[in-house]
Protein backbone atom coordinates (compact mmCIF):
# COMPACT_ATOMS: atom_id res chain seq x y z
CA MET A 1 0.04 -0.07 0.18
CA ALA A 2 1.85 2.76 1.26
CA GLY A 3 5.48 3.52 2.71
CA ILE A 4 5.49 5.07 6.03
CA LEU A 5 8.48 6.03 8.22
CA ILE A 6 7.85 6.37 12.10
CA ILE A 7 9.70 8.49 14.09
CA ASP A 8 9.65 7.95 17.58
CA ASP A 9 12.37 7.49 20.56
CA ASP A 10 10.31 4.60 22.40
CA PRO A 11 11.34 1.24 20.86
CA ASP A 12 8.03 -0.39 22.04
CA THR A 13 5.65 2.34 20.33
CA ARG A 14 7.88 1.90 17.15
CA ASP A 15 7.60 -1.92 17.47
CA VAL A 16 3.68 -1.52 18.13
CA LEU A 17 3.00 1.25 15.21
CA LYS A 18 5.37 -0.95 12.88
CA MET A 19 3.50 -4.32 13.42
CA THR A 20 -0.01 -2.53 13.05
CA LEU A 21 0.45 -1.13 9.83
CA GLU A 22 2.67 -3.86 8.26
CA ALA A 23 -0.25 -6.18 9.09
CA ALA A 24 -2.43 -3.33 7.23
CA GLY A 25 -0.26 -3.88 4.25
CA HIS A 26 2.02 -0.94 4.23
CA GLN A 27 5.89 -0.88 4.24
CA ILE A 28 7.52 0.78 7.29
CA THR A 29 10.81 2.32 7.86
CA VAL A 30 11.38 3.62 11.51
CA ALA A 31 13.89 6.07 12.84
CA ALA A 32 14.52 6.60 16.49
CA ASP A 33 14.43 10.61 16.70
CA GLY A 34 13.83 13.42 14.55
CA SER A 35 17.45 13.86 13.12
CA GLU A 36 17.73 10.26 12.34
CA GLY A 37 13.89 10.64 10.90
CA VAL A 38 14.92 13.46 8.83
CA GLN A 39 18.05 11.49 7.04
CA ALA A 40 15.54 8.60 6.54
CA TYR A 41 13.35 10.74 4.70
CA ARG A 42 16.21 12.47 2.76
CA ALA A 43 16.91 9.09 1.44
CA ASN A 44 13.64 7.28 0.72
CA LYS A 45 10.75 9.95 0.80
CA ALA A 46 7.65 8.08 2.67
CA ASP A 47 3.88 8.57 1.38
CA LEU A 48 3.39 9.43 5.29
CA VAL A 49 5.60 10.09 8.54
CA ILE A 50 3.94 9.28 11.70
CA MET A 51 6.05 11.12 14.53
CA ASP A 52 6.16 11.70 18.39
CA LEU A 53 6.44 15.20 19.48
CA TYR A 54 8.29 14.42 22.65
CA MET A 55 12.02 13.00 21.78
CA PRO A 56 15.40 13.61 22.79
CA GLY A 57 17.76 15.28 20.67
CA GLN A 58 15.56 16.76 17.88
CA GLU A 59 11.99 16.63 19.11
CA GLY A 60 8.85 16.47 17.31
CA LEU A 61 8.00 20.31 16.34
CA GLU A 62 11.25 20.74 15.11
CA THR A 63 11.17 17.88 13.06
CA ILE A 64 7.88 19.03 11.33
CA LYS A 65 9.35 22.24 10.53
CA GLN A 66 12.37 20.98 8.87
CA LEU A 67 10.60 18.38 7.10
CA ARG A 68 7.80 20.97 5.60
CA MET A 69 10.40 23.54 4.75
CA GLU A 70 12.63 21.04 2.75
CA PHE A 71 9.69 18.88 1.62
CA PRO A 72 6.52 21.02 1.22
CA GLU A 73 4.54 18.25 0.20
CA VAL A 74 5.22 15.74 3.22
CA ARG A 75 2.29 14.34 4.91
CA ILE A 76 2.82 14.20 8.78
CA VAL A 77 0.36 12.57 11.45
CA ALA A 78 1.72 13.82 14.90
CA ILE A 79 1.45 11.75 17.77
CA SER A 80 1.73 12.57 21.75
CA GLY A 81 0.90 11.09 25.36
CA LYS A 82 2.07 13.89 27.55
CA PRO A 83 -0.30 15.96 29.59
CA THR A 84 0.56 18.85 27.45
CA GLY A 85 0.45 16.74 24.38
CA ALA A 86 -3.16 18.38 23.27
CA THR A 87 -1.62 21.99 23.20
CA MET A 88 1.39 20.44 21.30
CA LEU A 89 -0.90 18.48 18.75
CA SER A 90 -2.52 21.49 18.14
CA VAL A 91 0.58 23.56 17.53
CA ALA A 92 1.73 20.48 15.40
CA LYS A 93 -1.40 21.04 13.12
CA ARG A 94 -0.62 24.77 12.78
CA LEU A 95 3.08 23.55 11.40
CA GLY A 96 1.48 21.35 8.85
CA ALA A 97 0.55 17.88 10.43
CA ILE A 98 -2.25 16.98 8.75
CA GLY A 99 -3.56 14.35 11.54
CA VAL A 100 -3.19 13.86 14.97
CA LEU A 101 -3.22 11.10 17.54
CA HIS A 102 -3.16 11.67 21.57
CA LYS A 103 -1.42 8.42 23.15
CA PRO A 104 -2.98 5.73 24.26
CA PHE A 105 -4.93 5.31 21.12
CA MET A 106 -6.77 2.25 19.74
CA GLN A 107 -5.67 0.32 16.55
CA GLU A 108 -8.60 1.47 14.62
CA GLU A 109 -7.93 5.02 15.20
CA LEU A 110 -4.39 4.60 14.03
CA LEU A 111 -5.65 3.09 10.79
CA HIS A 112 -8.38 5.58 10.44
CA VAL A 113 -5.95 8.63 10.73
CA VAL A 114 -3.42 6.94 8.31
CA GLU A 115 -6.23 6.23 5.83
CA GLN A 116 -7.35 9.78 6.04
CA SER A 117 -3.97 11.06 5.66
CA LEU A 118 -3.09 9.35 2.86
């Protein structure tokens, strides 16, 4: 179906997202932080980027800005599970994220947002 890049510092979250989306037929690439994610996107543009907002090093909002500046057509879904996540998710939308999810979310919610974003 689609090539999806997952950027998240939590290996368990990356694994769950990867397994869920691969089971739905998508081809998945993963990155552990924003800098690694930008490099992965440069090397192989994905159809969709799913990215956590709170990561050490280059965090999500900075990564959204960088990707949107270099690749205006990039499609991004932002995710967050922090208490301040709702505010950060609204900022992510203003910066160009086309979808947002607040952790924890159900598998069906993830698949719905991915489908809508593609």
